[in-house]
PDB file of N, CA and C in Angstrom:
ATOM      1  N   MET A   1     109.304  98.964 114.795  1.00  0.00           N
ATOM      2  CA  MET A   1     108.679 100.043 115.191  1.00  0.00           C
ATOM      3  C   MET A   1     108.451 100.067 116.681  1.00  0.00           C
ATOM      4  N   HIS A   2     108.021  98.961 117.159  1.00  0.00           N
ATOM      5  CA  HIS A   2     107.682  98.785 118.623  1.00  0.00           C
ATOM      6  C   HIS A   2     108.978  98.990 119.407  1.00  0.00           C
ATOM      7  N   ALA A   3     110.120  98.280 119.013  1.00  0.00           N
ATOM      8  CA  ALA A   3     111.419  98.374 119.642  1.00  0.00           C
ATOM      9  C   ALA A   3     111.815  99.883 119.727  1.00  0.00           C
ATOM     10  N   ALA A   4     111.649 100.599 118.719  1.00  0.00           N
ATOM     11  CA  ALA A   4     111.994 102.075 118.540  1.00  0.00           C
ATOM     12  C   ALA A   4     111.115 102.920 119.449  1.00  0.00           C
ATOM     13  N   GLY A   5     109.988 102.423 119.924  1.00  0.00           N
ATOM     14  CA  GLY A   5     109.132 103.294 120.734  1.00  0.00           C
ATOM     15  C   GLY A   5     108.266 104.137 119.799  1.00  0.00           C
ATOM     16  N   VAL A   6     107.993 103.736 118.643  1.00  0.00           N
ATOM     17  CA  VAL A   6     107.287 104.687 117.659  1.00  0.00           C
ATOM     18  C   VAL A   6     105.732 104.160 117.744  1.00  0.00           C
ATOM     19  N   ALA A   7     104.949 105.259 117.935  1.00  0.00           N
ATOM     20  CA  ALA A   7     103.427 104.922 117.832  1.00  0.00           C
ATOM     21  C   ALA A   7     103.161 104.994 116.393  1.00  0.00           C
ATOM     22  N   TRP A   8     102.432 103.923 115.852  1.00  0.00           N
ATOM     23  CA  TRP A   8     102.192 104.013 114.478  1.00  0.00           C
ATOM     24  C   TRP A   8     100.797 103.157 114.290  1.00  0.00           C
ATOM     25  N   GLN A   9     100.238 103.391 113.225  1.00  0.00           N
ATOM     26  CA  GLN A   9      98.932 102.832 112.778  1.00  0.00           C
ATOM     27  C   GLN A   9      99.119 102.405 111.286  1.00  0.00           C
ATOM     28  N   MET A  10      98.124 101.469 110.963  1.00  0.00           N
ATOM     29  CA  MET A  10      98.048 101.039 109.544  1.00  0.00           C
ATOM     30  C   MET A  10      96.567 101.177 109.184  1.00  0.00           C
ATOM     31  N   HIS A  11      96.210 101.777 108.077  1.00  0.00           N
ATOM     32  CA  HIS A  11      94.784 101.780 107.729  1.00  0.00           C
ATOM     33  C   HIS A  11      94.672 101.030 106.418  1.00  0.00           C
ATOM     34  N   LEU A  12      93.775 100.009 106.468  1.00  0.00           N
ATOM     35  CA  LEU A  12      93.604  99.121 105.318  1.00  0.00           C
ATOM     36  C   LEU A  12      92.257  99.378 104.894  1.00  0.00           C
ATOM     37  N   TYR A  13      92.015  99.535 103.583  1.00  0.00           N
ATOM     38  CA  TYR A  13      90.643  99.752 103.035  1.00  0.00           C
ATOM     39  C   TYR A  13      90.319  98.502 102.147  1.00  0.00           C
ATOM     40  N   GLY A  14      89.629  97.566 102.776  1.00  0.00           N
ATOM     41  CA  GLY A  14      89.349  96.337 102.064  1.00  0.00           C
ATOM     42  C   GLY A  14      88.422  96.375 100.986  1.00  0.00           C
ATOM     43  N   GLY A  15      88.743  95.610  99.920  1.00  0.00           N
ATOM     44  CA  GLY A  15      87.840  95.595  98.757  1.00  0.00           C
ATOM     45  C   GLY A  15      87.995  96.714  97.790  1.00  0.00           C
ATOM     46  N   VAL A  16      88.916  97.568  97.998  1.00  0.00           N
ATOM     47  CA  VAL A  16      89.026  98.672  96.992  1.00  0.00           C
ATOM     48  C   VAL A  16      90.356  98.517  96.261  1.00  0.00           C
ATOM     49  N   GLY A  17      90.373  98.953  95.088  1.00  0.00           N
ATOM     50  CA  GLY A  17      91.444  98.899  94.205  1.00  0.00           C
ATOM     51  C   GLY A  17      92.444 100.047  94.311  1.00  0.00           C
ATOM     52  N   HIS A  18      93.492  99.930  93.577  1.00  0.00           N
ATOM     53  CA  HIS A  18      94.496 101.058  93.469  1.00  0.00           C
ATOM     54  C   HIS A  18      93.877 102.230  92.913  1.00  0.00           C
ATOM     55  N   SER A  19      94.320 103.428  93.326  1.00  0.00           N
ATOM     56  CA  SER A  19      93.773 104.718  92.831  1.00  0.00           C
ATOM     57  C   SER A  19      92.335 104.978  93.406  1.00  0.00           C
ATOM     58  N   PHE A  20      92.037 104.518  94.530  1.00  0.00           N
ATOM     59  CA  PHE A  20      90.666 104.578  95.081  1.00  0.00           C
ATOM     60  C   PHE A  20      90.339 106.027  95.458  1.00  0.00           C
ATOM     61  N   THR A  21      91.383 106.895  95.486  1.00  0.00           N
ATOM     62  CA  THR A  21      90.985 108.302  95.837  1.00  0.00           C
ATOM     63  C   THR A  21      90.933 109.199  94.656  1.00  0.00           C
ATOM     64  N   ASP A  22      91.115 108.595  93.441  1.00  0.00           N
ATOM     65  CA  ASP A  22      91.000 109.419  92.219  1.00  0.00           C
ATOM     66  C   ASP A  22      89.755 109.183  91.401  1.00  0.00           C
ATOM     67  N   PRO A  23      88.773 110.103  91.451  1.00  0.00           N
ATOM     68  CA  PRO A  23      87.478 110.011  90.811  1.00  0.00           C
ATOM     69  C   PRO A  23      87.562 109.715  89.298  1.00  0.00           C
ATOM     70  N   SER A  24      88.632 110.068  88.697  1.00  0.00           N
ATOM     71  CA  SER A  24      88.690 109.781  87.248  1.00  0.00           C
ATOM     72  C   SER A  24      88.876 108.400  86.886  1.00  0.00           C
ATOM     73  N   HIS A  25      89.182 107.486  87.807  1.00  0.00           N
ATOM     74  CA  HIS A  25      89.365 106.054  87.396  1.00  0.00           C
ATOM     75  C   HIS A  25      88.056 105.433  87.530  1.00  0.00           C
ATOM     76  N   ASP A  26      87.540 104.880  86.423  1.00  0.00           N
ATOM     77  CA  ASP A  26      86.326 104.321  86.188  1.00  0.00           C
ATOM     78  C   ASP A  26      86.181 102.851  86.244  1.00  0.00           C
ATOM     79  N   GLY A  27      87.245 102.169  86.534  1.00  0.00           N
ATOM     80  CA  GLY A  27      87.262 100.722  86.666  1.00  0.00           C
ATOM     81  C   GLY A  27      87.439  99.984  85.510  1.00  0.00           C
ATOM     82  N   LEU A  28      87.769 100.771  84.364  1.00  0.00           N
ATOM     83  CA  LEU A  28      87.988 100.008  83.059  1.00  0.00           C
ATOM     84  C   LEU A  28      89.261  99.069  83.117  1.00  0.00           C
ATOM     85  N   ARG A  29      90.234  99.530  83.904  1.00  0.00           N
ATOM     86  CA  ARG A  29      91.425  98.673  84.091  1.00  0.00           C
ATOM     87  C   ARG A  29      91.332  97.881  85.389  1.00  0.00           C
ATOM     88  N   PRO A  30      91.557  96.603  85.363  1.00  0.00           N
ATOM     89  CA  PRO A  30      91.514  95.708  86.433  1.00  0.00           C
ATOM     90  C   PRO A  30      92.256  96.163  87.664  1.00  0.00           C
ATOM     91  N   GLY A  31      91.619  96.199  88.848  1.00  0.00           N
ATOM     92  CA  GLY A  31      92.267  96.611  90.074  1.00  0.00           C
ATOM     93  C   GLY A  31      92.427  98.138  90.332  1.00  0.00           C
ATOM     94  N   ILE A  32      91.897  98.873  89.351  1.00  0.00           N
ATOM     95  CA  ILE A  32      91.962 100.379  89.509  1.00  0.00           C
ATOM     96  C   ILE A  32      90.600 100.909  89.429  1.00  0.00           C
ATOM     97  N   ARG A  33      90.132 101.456  90.534  1.00  0.00           N
ATOM     98  CA  ARG A  33      88.741 101.984  90.448  1.00  0.00           C
ATOM     99  C   ARG A  33      88.643 102.912  91.668  1.00  0.00           C
ATOM    100  N   TYR A  34      87.910 104.046  91.467  1.00  0.00           N
ATOM    101  CA  TYR A  34      87.511 105.037  92.567  1.00  0.00           C
ATOM    102  C   TYR A  34      86.496 104.378  93.499  1.00  0.00           C
ATOM    103  N   ASP A  35      86.677 104.670  94.766  1.00  0.00           N
ATOM    104  CA  ASP A  35      85.733 104.286  95.713  1.00  0.00           C
ATOM    105  C   ASP A  35      85.523 105.416  96.704  1.00  0.00           C
ATOM    106  N   ARG A  36      84.291 106.075  96.506  1.00  0.00           N
ATOM    107  CA  ARG A  36      83.899 107.261  97.317  1.00  0.00           C
ATOM    108  C   ARG A  36      84.062 107.164  98.746  1.00  0.00           C
ATOM    109  N   ARG A  37      83.539 106.053  99.314  1.00  0.00           N
ATOM    110  CA  ARG A  37      83.490 105.887 100.757  1.00  0.00           C
ATOM    111  C   ARG A  37      84.826 105.665 101.347  1.00  0.00           C
ATOM    112  N   SER A  38      85.740 104.932 100.728  1.00  0.00           N
ATOM    113  CA  SER A  38      87.064 104.858 101.170  1.00  0.00           C
ATOM    114  C   SER A  38      87.859 106.010 100.866  1.00  0.00           C
ATOM    115  N   ASP A  39      87.573 106.799  99.938  1.00  0.00           N
ATOM    116  CA  ASP A  39      88.300 108.007  99.684  1.00  0.00           C
ATOM    117  C   ASP A  39      87.997 109.034 100.863  1.00  0.00           C
ATOM    118  N   GLU A  40      86.693 109.133 101.229  1.00  0.00           N
ATOM    119  CA  GLU A  40      86.396 109.999 102.314  1.00  0.00           C
ATOM    120  C   GLU A  40      86.920 109.597 103.624  1.00  0.00           C
ATOM    121  N   ARG A  41      86.978 108.185 103.871  1.00  0.00           N
ATOM    122  CA  ARG A  41      87.566 107.763 105.135  1.00  0.00           C
ATOM    123  C   ARG A  41      89.021 108.002 105.116  1.00  0.00           C
ATOM    124  N   SER A  42      89.783 107.809 103.994  1.00  0.00           N
ATOM    125  CA  SER A  42      91.222 108.001 104.001  1.00  0.00           C
ATOM    126  C   SER A  42      91.538 109.526 104.127  1.00  0.00           C
ATOM    127  N   TRP A  43      90.738 110.357 103.534  1.00  0.00           N
ATOM    128  CA  TRP A  43      90.922 111.778 103.721  1.00  0.00           C
ATOM    129  C   TRP A  43      90.683 112.236 105.154  1.00  0.00           C
ATOM    130  N   LYS A  44      89.739 111.664 105.832  1.00  0.00           N
ATOM    131  CA  LYS A  44      89.616 112.011 107.223  1.00  0.00           C
ATOM    132  C   LYS A  44      90.729 111.449 108.179  1.00  0.00           C
ATOM    133  N   ALA A  45      91.212 110.396 107.896  1.00  0.00           N
ATOM    134  CA  ALA A  45      92.334 109.757 108.639  1.00  0.00           C
ATOM    135  C   ALA A  45      93.538 110.645 108.372  1.00  0.00           C
ATOM    136  N   MET A  46      93.774 111.188 107.223  1.00  0.00           N
ATOM    137  CA  MET A  46      94.902 112.062 106.922  1.00  0.00           C
ATOM    138  C   MET A  46      94.769 113.274 107.718  1.00  0.00           C
ATOM    139  N   ILE A  47      93.499 113.989 107.606  1.00  0.00           N
ATOM    140  CA  ILE A  47      93.326 115.228 108.383  1.00  0.00           C
ATOM    141  C   ILE A  47      93.569 115.064 109.944  1.00  0.00           C
ATOM    142  N   ASP A  48      93.029 113.867 110.441  1.00  0.00           N
ATOM    143  CA  ASP A  48      93.219 113.622 111.808  1.00  0.00           C
ATOM    144  C   ASP A  48      94.613 113.481 112.265  1.00  0.00           C
ATOM    145  N   LEU A  49      95.347 112.812 111.279  1.00  0.00           N
ATOM    146  CA  LEU A  49      96.879 112.726 111.581  1.00  0.00           C
ATOM    147  C   LEU A  49      97.523 114.088 111.657  1.00  0.00           C
ATOM    148  N   PHE A  50      97.206 114.908 110.589  1.00  0.00           N
ATOM    149  CA  PHE A  50      97.819 116.248 110.561  1.00  0.00           C
ATOM    150  C   PHE A  50      97.397 117.006 111.877  1.00  0.00           C
ATOM    151  N   GLU A  51      96.103 117.019 112.286  1.00  0.00           N
ATOM    152  CA  GLU A  51      95.804 117.711 113.454  1.00  0.00           C
ATOM    153  C   GLU A  51      96.455 117.291 114.667  1.00  0.00           C
ATOM    154  N   GLU A  52      96.850 115.976 114.694  1.00  0.00           N
ATOM    155  CA  GLU A  52      97.570 115.365 115.931  1.00  0.00           C
ATOM    156  C   GLU A  52      98.924 115.823 115.970  1.00  0.00           C
ATOM    157  N   VAL A  53      99.627 115.742 114.797  1.00  0.00           N
ATOM    158  CA  VAL A  53     101.217 115.860 114.800  1.00  0.00           C
ATOM    159  C   VAL A  53     101.693 117.142 114.347  1.00  0.00           C
ATOM    160  N   LEU A  54     100.911 118.047 113.735  1.00  0.00           N
ATOM    161  CA  LEU A  54     101.397 119.351 113.312  1.00  0.00           C
ATOM    162  C   LEU A  54     100.851 120.381 114.165  1.00  0.00           C
ATOM    163  N   PRO A  55     101.720 121.324 114.499  1.00  0.00           N
ATOM    164  CA  PRO A  55     101.192 122.447 115.413  1.00  0.00           C
ATOM    165  C   PRO A  55     100.110 123.280 114.760  1.00  0.00           C
ATOM    166  N   ALA A  56      99.159 123.711 115.546  1.00  0.00           N
ATOM    167  CA  ALA A  56      98.129 124.536 114.905  1.00  0.00           C
ATOM    168  C   ALA A  56      98.612 125.927 114.492  1.00  0.00           C
ATOM    169  N   SER A  57      98.127 126.349 113.387  1.00  0.00           N
ATOM    170  CA  SER A  57      98.426 127.699 112.878  1.00  0.00           C
ATOM    171  C   SER A  57      97.583 128.683 113.680  1.00  0.00           C
ATOM    172  N   ARG A  58      98.199 129.652 114.318  1.00  0.00           N
ATOM    173  CA  ARG A  58      97.423 130.644 114.935  1.00  0.00           C
ATOM    174  C   ARG A  58      97.933 132.058 114.704  1.00  0.00           C
TER     175      ARG A  58
END
């Protein structure tokens, strides 16, 4: 990525399991559990990315 001159980021949400953005996951299956705080943070990161790279609708 660096050699290609691509600006990139990686967001890691430590301590959360798979499907952390899906409130229907209640943690009954190992490694699969909803995490509200990480869900909200990841949603904000996605919106911030969209605002940065997509042209504004006017």
